[in-house]
Amino acid sequence: LSFMRQIAEAMKHLHMLGITHRDLKPDNVMVHADLSIRLGDFGQARQEANMMSNMPGSAYYMAPEALQGVDYRKCADVYSYAITCWEIL
């Protein structure tokens, strides 16, 4: 639960800055020696724009709207977060 909370806090911070990660998945979540979480792989991250639809990320973790290539926003990160949490559990 601590890992899930830390990931959520990191995503909240990014979203408050207007940044969408666009590739949240367990492979991009690193556990530090003190069991704190670090997010990595910001290669797909973008400042949120009116339209982001170039199918970023890994298919298994992508929100349906992102997978279909239609307009999506940072809520797509929330979908990826939910799949990541499911795998943690």
PDB file of N, CA and C in Angstrom:
ATOM      1  N   LEU A   1       0.817  -1.192   0.000  1.00  0.00           N
ATOM      2  CA  LEU A   1       0.000   0.000   0.000  1.00  0.00           C
ATOM      3  C   LEU A   1       0.867   1.265   0.000  1.00  0.00           C
ATOM      4  N   SER A   2       1.995   1.182   0.675  1.00  0.00           N
ATOM      5  CA  SER A   2       2.903   2.323   0.689  1.00  0.00           C
ATOM      6  C   SER A   2       3.406   2.643  -0.719  1.00  0.00           C
ATOM      7  N   PHE A   3       3.744   1.615  -1.479  1.00  0.00           N
ATOM      8  CA  PHE A   3       4.196   1.828  -2.856  1.00  0.00           C
ATOM      9  C   PHE A   3       3.099   2.502  -3.680  1.00  0.00           C
ATOM     10  N   MET A   4       1.862   2.022  -3.558  1.00  0.00           N
ATOM     11  CA  MET A   4       0.755   2.588  -4.327  1.00  0.00           C
ATOM     12  C   MET A   4       0.526   4.049  -3.940  1.00  0.00           C
ATOM     13  N   ARG A   5       0.620   4.353  -2.657  1.00  0.00           N
ATOM     14  CA  ARG A   5       0.436   5.734  -2.200  1.00  0.00           C
ATOM     15  C   ARG A   5       1.533   6.631  -2.764  1.00  0.00           C
ATOM     16  N   GLN A   6       2.776   6.146  -2.732  1.00  0.00           N
ATOM     17  CA  GLN A   6       3.894   6.944  -3.230  1.00  0.00           C
ATOM     18  C   GLN A   6       3.791   7.187  -4.735  1.00  0.00           C
ATOM     19  N   ILE A   7       3.363   6.181  -5.469  1.00  0.00           N
ATOM     20  CA  ILE A   7       3.171   6.354  -6.912  1.00  0.00           C
ATOM     21  C   ILE A   7       2.085   7.395  -7.153  1.00  0.00           C
ATOM     22  N   ALA A   8       0.991   7.292  -6.393  1.00  0.00           N
ATOM     23  CA  ALA A   8      -0.111   8.259  -6.547  1.00  0.00           C
ATOM     24  C   ALA A   8       0.371   9.676  -6.241  1.00  0.00           C
ATOM     25  N   GLU A   9       1.181   9.832  -5.213  1.00  0.00           N
ATOM     26  CA  GLU A   9       1.697  11.155  -4.870  1.00  0.00           C
ATOM     27  C   GLU A   9       2.606  11.694  -5.974  1.00  0.00           C
ATOM     28  N   ALA A  10       3.418  10.826  -6.551  1.00  0.00           N
ATOM     29  CA  ALA A  10       4.292  11.249  -7.642  1.00  0.00           C
ATOM     30  C   ALA A  10       3.466  11.670  -8.863  1.00  0.00           C
ATOM     31  N   MET A  11       2.430  10.902  -9.169  1.00  0.00           N
ATOM     32  CA  MET A  11       1.566  11.247 -10.303  1.00  0.00           C
ATOM     33  C   MET A  11       0.814  12.546 -10.035  1.00  0.00           C
ATOM     34  N   LYS A  12       0.359  12.730  -8.807  1.00  0.00           N
ATOM     35  CA  LYS A  12      -0.332  13.972  -8.441  1.00  0.00           C
ATOM     36  C   LYS A  12       0.594  15.167  -8.650  1.00  0.00           C
ATOM     37  N   HIS A  13       1.840  15.019  -8.235  1.00  0.00           N
ATOM     38  CA  HIS A  13       2.810  16.093  -8.402  1.00  0.00           C
ATOM     39  C   HIS A  13       3.006  16.416  -9.884  1.00  0.00           C
ATOM     40  N   LEU A  14       3.197  15.390 -10.698  1.00  0.00           N
ATOM     41  CA  LEU A  14       3.356  15.615 -12.140  1.00  0.00           C
ATOM     42  C   LEU A  14       2.134  16.309 -12.722  1.00  0.00           C
ATOM     43  N   HIS A  15       0.953  15.824 -12.372  1.00  0.00           N
ATOM     44  CA  HIS A  15      -0.278  16.375 -12.924  1.00  0.00           C
ATOM     45  C   HIS A  15      -0.494  17.816 -12.464  1.00  0.00           C
ATOM     46  N   MET A  16      -0.098  18.142 -11.241  1.00  0.00           N
ATOM     47  CA  MET A  16      -0.206  19.525 -10.770  1.00  0.00           C
ATOM     48  C   MET A  16       0.700  20.444 -11.588  1.00  0.00           C
ATOM     49  N   LEU A  17       1.789  19.894 -12.104  1.00  0.00           N
ATOM     50  CA  LEU A  17       2.700  20.655 -12.960  1.00  0.00           C
ATOM     51  C   LEU A  17       2.227  20.672 -14.415  1.00  0.00           C
ATOM     52  N   GLY A  18       1.128  19.963 -14.698  1.00  0.00           N
ATOM     53  CA  GLY A  18       0.606  19.903 -16.060  1.00  0.00           C
ATOM     54  C   GLY A  18       1.326  18.899 -16.939  1.00  0.00           C
ATOM     55  N   ILE A  19       2.012  17.942 -16.323  1.00  0.00           N
ATOM     56  CA  ILE A  19       2.773  16.936 -17.063  1.00  0.00           C
ATOM     57  C   ILE A  19       2.035  15.606 -17.035  1.00  0.00           C
ATOM     58  N   THR A  20       1.928  14.979 -18.180  1.00  0.00           N
ATOM     59  CA  THR A  20       1.354  13.639 -18.295  1.00  0.00           C
ATOM     60  C   THR A  20       2.507  12.678 -18.558  1.00  0.00           C
ATOM     61  N   HIS A  21       2.637  11.635 -17.736  1.00  0.00           N
ATOM     62  CA  HIS A  21       3.753  10.685 -17.852  1.00  0.00           C
ATOM     63  C   HIS A  21       3.642   9.868 -19.133  1.00  0.00           C
ATOM     64  N   ARG A  22       2.481   9.343 -19.414  1.00  0.00           N
ATOM     65  CA  ARG A  22       2.135   8.612 -20.634  1.00  0.00           C
ATOM     66  C   ARG A  22       2.785   7.237 -20.776  1.00  0.00           C
ATOM     67  N   ASP A  23       3.528   6.783 -19.782  1.00  0.00           N
ATOM     68  CA  ASP A  23       4.101   5.437 -19.860  1.00  0.00           C
ATOM     69  C   ASP A  23       4.289   4.855 -18.461  1.00  0.00           C
ATOM     70  N   LEU A  24       3.299   5.078 -17.593  1.00  0.00           N
ATOM     71  CA  LEU A  24       3.383   4.526 -16.248  1.00  0.00           C
ATOM     72  C   LEU A  24       3.143   3.028 -16.292  1.00  0.00           C
ATOM     73  N   LYS A  25       4.078   2.287 -15.739  1.00  0.00           N
ATOM     74  CA  LYS A  25       3.990   0.825 -15.648  1.00  0.00           C
ATOM     75  C   LYS A  25       5.012   0.375 -14.618  1.00  0.00           C
ATOM     76  N   PRO A  26       4.903  -0.851 -14.122  1.00  0.00           N
ATOM     77  CA  PRO A  26       5.845  -1.315 -13.088  1.00  0.00           C
ATOM     78  C   PRO A  26       7.314  -1.189 -13.494  1.00  0.00           C
ATOM     79  N   ASP A  27       7.624  -1.386 -14.762  1.00  0.00           N
ATOM     80  CA  ASP A  27       9.019  -1.267 -15.206  1.00  0.00           C
ATOM     81  C   ASP A  27       9.577   0.137 -15.007  1.00  0.00           C
ATOM     82  N   ASN A  28       8.695   1.133 -14.920  1.00  0.00           N
ATOM     83  CA  ASN A  28       9.131   2.516 -14.767  1.00  0.00           C
ATOM     84  C   ASN A  28       8.986   3.025 -13.338  1.00  0.00           C
ATOM     85  N   VAL A  29       8.729   2.117 -12.412  1.00  0.00           N
ATOM     86  CA  VAL A  29       8.660   2.443 -10.992  1.00  0.00           C
ATOM     87  C   VAL A  29       9.855   1.780 -10.321  1.00  0.00           C
ATOM     88  N   MET A  30      10.707   2.599  -9.740  1.00  0.00           N
ATOM     89  CA  MET A  30      11.911   2.082  -9.106  1.00  0.00           C
ATOM     90  C   MET A  30      11.781   2.175  -7.592  1.00  0.00           C
ATOM     91  N   VAL A  31      12.263   1.146  -6.911  1.00  0.00           N
ATOM     92  CA  VAL A  31      12.230   1.120  -5.456  1.00  0.00           C
ATOM     93  C   VAL A  31      13.641   1.397  -4.949  1.00  0.00           C
ATOM     94  N   HIS A  32      13.784   2.484  -4.214  1.00  0.00           N
ATOM     95  CA  HIS A  32      15.061   2.879  -3.643  1.00  0.00           C
ATOM     96  C   HIS A  32      15.376   1.986  -2.441  1.00  0.00           C
ATOM     97  N   ALA A  33      16.608   1.979  -2.001  1.00  0.00           N
ATOM     98  CA  ALA A  33      17.034   1.138  -0.876  1.00  0.00           C
ATOM     99  C   ALA A  33      16.218   1.381   0.397  1.00  0.00           C
ATOM    100  N   ASP A  34      15.739   2.611   0.602  1.00  0.00           N
ATOM    101  CA  ASP A  34      14.941   2.914   1.791  1.00  0.00           C
ATOM    102  C   ASP A  34      13.442   2.651   1.565  1.00  0.00           C
ATOM    103  N   LEU A  35      13.127   1.931   0.491  1.00  0.00           N
ATOM    104  CA  LEU A  35      11.762   1.566   0.094  1.00  0.00           C
ATOM    105  C   LEU A  35      10.912   2.756  -0.357  1.00  0.00           C
ATOM    106  N   SER A  36      11.580   3.833  -0.731  1.00  0.00           N
ATOM    107  CA  SER A  36      10.854   4.950  -1.335  1.00  0.00           C
ATOM    108  C   SER A  36      10.791   4.710  -2.843  1.00  0.00           C
ATOM    109  N   ILE A  37       9.795   5.290  -3.449  1.00  0.00           N
ATOM    110  CA  ILE A  37       9.528   5.075  -4.872  1.00  0.00           C
ATOM    111  C   ILE A  37      10.087   6.227  -5.697  1.00  0.00           C
ATOM    112  N   ARG A  38      10.620   5.894  -6.848  1.00  0.00           N
ATOM    113  CA  ARG A  38      11.058   6.876  -7.843  1.00  0.00           C
ATOM    114  C   ARG A  38      10.420   6.486  -9.172  1.00  0.00           C
ATOM    115  N   LEU A  39       9.867   7.467  -9.862  1.00  0.00           N
ATOM    116  CA  LEU A  39       9.355   7.208 -11.206  1.00  0.00           C
ATOM    117  C   LEU A  39      10.469   7.473 -12.199  1.00  0.00           C
ATOM    118  N   GLY A  40      10.498   6.658 -13.238  1.00  0.00           N
ATOM    119  CA  GLY A  40      11.509   6.824 -14.263  1.00  0.00           C
ATOM    120  C   GLY A  40      10.910   6.800 -15.650  1.00  0.00           C
ATOM    121  N   ASP A  41      11.761   6.851 -16.637  1.00  0.00           N
ATOM    122  CA  ASP A  41      11.417   6.815 -18.054  1.00  0.00           C
ATOM    123  C   ASP A  41      10.416   7.905 -18.414  1.00  0.00           C
ATOM    124  N   PHE A  42      10.918   9.112 -18.467  1.00  0.00           N
ATOM    125  CA  PHE A  42      10.086  10.246 -18.843  1.00  0.00           C
ATOM    126  C   PHE A  42      10.186  10.561 -20.336  1.00  0.00           C
ATOM    127  N   GLY A  43      10.619   9.579 -21.117  1.00  0.00           N
ATOM    128  CA  GLY A  43      10.765   9.780 -22.560  1.00  0.00           C
ATOM    129  C   GLY A  43       9.458  10.070 -23.276  1.00  0.00           C
ATOM    130  N   GLN A  44       8.348   9.577 -22.744  1.00  0.00           N
ATOM    131  CA  GLN A  44       7.036   9.825 -23.345  1.00  0.00           C
ATOM    132  C   GLN A  44       6.289  10.965 -22.654  1.00  0.00           C
ATOM    133  N   ALA A  45       6.822  11.475 -21.542  1.00  0.00           N
ATOM    134  CA  ALA A  45       6.132  12.517 -20.767  1.00  0.00           C
ATOM    135  C   ALA A  45       6.001  13.784 -21.600  1.00  0.00           C
ATOM    136  N   ARG A  46       4.859  14.445 -21.436  1.00  0.00           N
ATOM    137  CA  ARG A  46       4.596  15.673 -22.171  1.00  0.00           C
ATOM    138  C   ARG A  46       3.852  16.659 -21.293  1.00  0.00           C
ATOM    139  N   GLN A  47       4.072  17.925 -21.579  1.00  0.00           N
ATOM    140  CA  GLN A  47       3.234  18.963 -20.995  1.00  0.00           C
ATOM    141  C   GLN A  47       1.849  18.758 -21.579  1.00  0.00           C
ATOM    142  N   GLU A  48       0.835  18.776 -20.713  1.00  0.00           N
ATOM    143  CA  GLU A  48      -0.513  18.505 -21.199  1.00  0.00           C
ATOM    144  C   GLU A  48      -0.917  19.554 -22.223  1.00  0.00           C
ATOM    145  N   ALA A  49      -1.467  19.073 -23.331  1.00  0.00           N
ATOM    146  CA  ALA A  49      -1.907  19.936 -24.416  1.00  0.00           C
ATOM    147  C   ALA A  49      -3.378  19.665 -24.698  1.00  0.00           C
ATOM    148  N   ASN A  50      -3.930  20.418 -25.605  1.00  0.00           N
ATOM    149  CA  ASN A  50      -5.336  20.215 -25.958  1.00  0.00           C
ATOM    150  C   ASN A  50      -5.577  18.831 -26.529  1.00  0.00           C
ATOM    151  N   MET A  51      -4.590  18.283 -27.225  1.00  0.00           N
ATOM    152  CA  MET A  51      -4.774  16.973 -27.842  1.00  0.00           C
ATOM    153  C   MET A  51      -3.464  16.205 -27.789  1.00  0.00           C
ATOM    154  N   MET A  52      -3.500  15.031 -27.207  1.00  0.00           N
ATOM    155  CA  MET A  52      -2.335  14.154 -27.174  1.00  0.00           C
ATOM    156  C   MET A  52      -2.815  12.794 -27.651  1.00  0.00           C
ATOM    157  N   SER A  53      -2.471  12.431 -28.861  1.00  0.00           N
ATOM    158  CA  SER A  53      -3.051  11.200 -29.399  1.00  0.00           C
ATOM    159  C   SER A  53      -2.089  10.408 -30.267  1.00  0.00           C
ATOM    160  N   ASN A  54      -0.813  10.423 -29.958  1.00  0.00           N
ATOM    161  CA  ASN A  54       0.124   9.674 -30.791  1.00  0.00           C
ATOM    162  C   ASN A  54       0.483   8.308 -30.221  1.00  0.00           C
ATOM    163  N   MET A  55      -0.434   7.708 -29.477  1.00  0.00           N
ATOM    164  CA  MET A  55      -0.303   6.350 -28.932  1.00  0.00           C
ATOM    165  C   MET A  55       1.023   6.106 -28.196  1.00  0.00           C
ATOM    166  N   PRO A  56       1.276   6.807 -27.114  1.00  0.00           N
ATOM    167  CA  PRO A  56       2.500   6.565 -26.345  1.00  0.00           C
ATOM    168  C   PRO A  56       2.333   5.371 -25.421  1.00  0.00           C
ATOM    169  N   GLY A  57       3.435   4.951 -24.837  1.00  0.00           N
ATOM    170  CA  GLY A  57       3.369   3.962 -23.768  1.00  0.00           C
ATOM    171  C   GLY A  57       3.343   2.518 -24.223  1.00  0.00           C
ATOM    172  N   SER A  58       3.020   1.664 -23.275  1.00  0.00           N
ATOM    173  CA  SER A  58       2.968   0.225 -23.491  1.00  0.00           C
ATOM    174  C   SER A  58       1.505  -0.212 -23.539  1.00  0.00           C
ATOM    175  N   ALA A  59       1.145  -0.952 -24.548  1.00  0.00           N
ATOM    176  CA  ALA A  59      -0.261  -1.275 -24.819  1.00  0.00           C
ATOM    177  C   ALA A  59      -1.003  -1.837 -23.611  1.00  0.00           C
ATOM    178  N   TYR A  60      -0.391  -2.731 -22.850  1.00  0.00           N
ATOM    179  CA  TYR A  60      -1.075  -3.367 -21.732  1.00  0.00           C
ATOM    180  C   TYR A  60      -1.505  -2.358 -20.675  1.00  0.00           C
ATOM    181  N   TYR A  61      -0.774  -1.257 -20.538  1.00  0.00           N
ATOM    182  CA  TYR A  61      -1.029  -0.270 -19.497  1.00  0.00           C
ATOM    183  C   TYR A  61      -1.746   0.981 -20.014  1.00  0.00           C
ATOM    184  N   MET A  62      -2.051   1.015 -21.288  1.00  0.00           N
ATOM    185  CA  MET A  62      -2.652   2.207 -21.887  1.00  0.00           C
ATOM    186  C   MET A  62      -4.153   2.240 -21.685  1.00  0.00           C
ATOM    187  N   ALA A  63      -4.656   3.439 -21.406  1.00  0.00           N
ATOM    188  CA  ALA A  63      -6.098   3.644 -21.313  1.00  0.00           C
ATOM    189  C   ALA A  63      -6.717   3.383 -22.686  1.00  0.00           C
ATOM    190  N   PRO A  64      -7.954   2.911 -22.721  1.00  0.00           N
ATOM    191  CA  PRO A  64      -8.594   2.614 -24.007  1.00  0.00           C
ATOM    192  C   PRO A  64      -8.549   3.777 -24.993  1.00  0.00           C
ATOM    193  N   GLU A  65      -8.768   5.006 -24.501  1.00  0.00           N
ATOM    194  CA  GLU A  65      -8.771   6.143 -25.427  1.00  0.00           C
ATOM    195  C   GLU A  65      -7.382   6.399 -26.012  1.00  0.00           C
ATOM    196  N   ALA A  66      -6.333   6.169 -25.226  1.00  0.00           N
ATOM    197  CA  ALA A  66      -4.977   6.332 -25.737  1.00  0.00           C
ATOM    198  C   ALA A  66      -4.638   5.208 -26.715  1.00  0.00           C
ATOM    199  N   LEU A  67      -5.076   4.012 -26.407  1.00  0.00           N
ATOM    200  CA  LEU A  67      -4.824   2.861 -27.276  1.00  0.00           C
ATOM    201  C   LEU A  67      -5.504   3.021 -28.627  1.00  0.00           C
ATOM    202  N   GLN A  68      -6.685   3.633 -28.617  1.00  0.00           N
ATOM    203  CA  GLN A  68      -7.428   3.855 -29.861  1.00  0.00           C
ATOM    204  C   GLN A  68      -6.895   5.040 -30.651  1.00  0.00           C
ATOM    205  N   GLY A  69      -5.984   5.794 -30.046  1.00  0.00           N
ATOM    206  CA  GLY A  69      -5.389   6.921 -30.755  1.00  0.00           C
ATOM    207  C   GLY A  69      -6.281   8.148 -30.804  1.00  0.00           C
ATOM    208  N   VAL A  70      -7.258   8.220 -29.909  1.00  0.00           N
ATOM    209  CA  VAL A  70      -8.115   9.403 -29.868  1.00  0.00           C
ATOM    210  C   VAL A  70      -7.617  10.353 -28.792  1.00  0.00           C
ATOM    211  N   ASP A  71      -8.175  11.541 -28.758  1.00  0.00           N
ATOM    212  CA  ASP A  71      -7.769  12.553 -27.796  1.00  0.00           C
ATOM    213  C   ASP A  71      -7.886  12.027 -26.365  1.00  0.00           C
ATOM    214  N   TYR A  72      -6.879  12.268 -25.555  1.00  0.00           N
ATOM    215  CA  TYR A  72      -6.898  11.862 -24.159  1.00  0.00           C
ATOM    216  C   TYR A  72      -6.128  12.884 -23.348  1.00  0.00           C
ATOM    217  N   ARG A  73      -6.244  12.779 -22.060  1.00  0.00           N
ATOM    218  CA  ARG A  73      -5.573  13.705 -21.152  1.00  0.00           C
ATOM    219  C   ARG A  73      -4.890  12.912 -20.043  1.00  0.00           C
ATOM    220  N   LYS A  74      -4.524  13.611 -18.977  1.00  0.00           N
ATOM    221  CA  LYS A  74      -3.788  12.970 -17.889  1.00  0.00           C
ATOM    222  C   LYS A  74      -4.582  11.867 -17.208  1.00  0.00           C
ATOM    223  N   CYS A  75      -5.894  11.813 -17.431  1.00  0.00           N
ATOM    224  CA  CYS A  75      -6.678  10.727 -16.846  1.00  0.00           C
ATOM    225  C   CYS A  75      -6.205   9.372 -17.391  1.00  0.00           C
ATOM    226  N   ALA A  76      -5.547   9.372 -18.537  1.00  0.00           N
ATOM    227  CA  ALA A  76      -4.977   8.125 -19.060  1.00  0.00           C
ATOM    228  C   ALA A  76      -3.892   7.594 -18.120  1.00  0.00           C
ATOM    229  N   ASP A  77      -3.181   8.489 -17.429  1.00  0.00           N
ATOM    230  CA  ASP A  77      -2.204   8.063 -16.428  1.00  0.00           C
ATOM    231  C   ASP A  77      -2.888   7.350 -15.265  1.00  0.00           C
ATOM    232  N   VAL A  78      -4.099   7.783 -14.928  1.00  0.00           N
ATOM    233  CA  VAL A  78      -4.841   7.176 -13.830  1.00  0.00           C
ATOM    234  C   VAL A  78      -5.183   5.730 -14.175  1.00  0.00           C
ATOM    235  N   TYR A  79      -5.534   5.473 -15.420  1.00  0.00           N
ATOM    236  CA  TYR A  79      -5.805   4.106 -15.874  1.00  0.00           C
ATOM    237  C   TYR A  79      -4.533   3.262 -15.728  1.00  0.00           C
ATOM    238  N   SER A  80      -3.420   3.786 -16.193  1.00  0.00           N
ATOM    239  CA  SER A  80      -2.146   3.062 -16.090  1.00  0.00           C
ATOM    240  C   SER A  80      -1.778   2.814 -14.633  1.00  0.00           C
ATOM    241  N   TYR A  81      -2.073   3.785 -13.786  1.00  0.00           N
ATOM    242  CA  TYR A  81      -1.824   3.643 -12.352  1.00  0.00           C
ATOM    243  C   TYR A  81      -2.667   2.496 -11.779  1.00  0.00           C
ATOM    244  N   ALA A  82      -3.925   2.408 -12.182  1.00  0.00           N
ATOM    245  CA  ALA A  82      -4.799   1.345 -11.683  1.00  0.00           C
ATOM    246  C   ALA A  82      -4.283  -0.032 -12.091  1.00  0.00           C
ATOM    247  N   ILE A  83      -3.842  -0.183 -13.307  1.00  0.00           N
ATOM    248  CA  ILE A  83      -3.291  -1.471 -13.760  1.00  0.00           C
ATOM    249  C   ILE A  83      -2.010  -1.787 -12.979  1.00  0.00           C
ATOM    250  N   THR A  84      -1.182  -0.780 -12.761  1.00  0.00           N
ATOM    251  CA  THR A  84       0.048  -0.961 -11.986  1.00  0.00           C
ATOM    252  C   THR A  84      -0.277  -1.397 -10.555  1.00  0.00           C
ATOM    253  N   CYS A  85      -1.270  -0.763  -9.936  1.00  0.00           N
ATOM    254  CA  CYS A  85      -1.688  -1.146  -8.577  1.00  0.00           C
ATOM    255  C   CYS A  85      -2.214  -2.571  -8.547  1.00  0.00           C
ATOM    256  N   TRP A  86      -2.976  -2.940  -9.550  1.00  0.00           N
ATOM    257  CA  TRP A  86      -3.500  -4.311  -9.630  1.00  0.00           C
ATOM    258  C   TRP A  86      -2.360  -5.309  -9.648  1.00  0.00           C
ATOM    259  N   GLU A  87      -1.305  -4.992 -10.387  1.00  0.00           N
ATOM    260  CA  GLU A  87      -0.148  -5.891 -10.432  1.00  0.00           C
ATOM    261  C   GLU A  87       0.601  -5.907  -9.100  1.00  0.00           C
ATOM    262  N   ILE A  88       0.671  -4.769  -8.425  1.00  0.00           N
ATOM    263  CA  ILE A  88       1.311  -4.734  -7.106  1.00  0.00           C
ATOM    264  C   ILE A  88       0.570  -5.645  -6.144  1.00  0.00           C
ATOM    265  N   LEU A  89      -0.770  -5.558  -6.176  1.00  0.00           N
ATOM    266  CA  LEU A  89      -1.568  -6.397  -5.277  1.00  0.00           C
ATOM    267  C   LEU A  89      -1.457  -7.861  -5.641  1.00  0.00           C
TER     268      LEU A  89
END
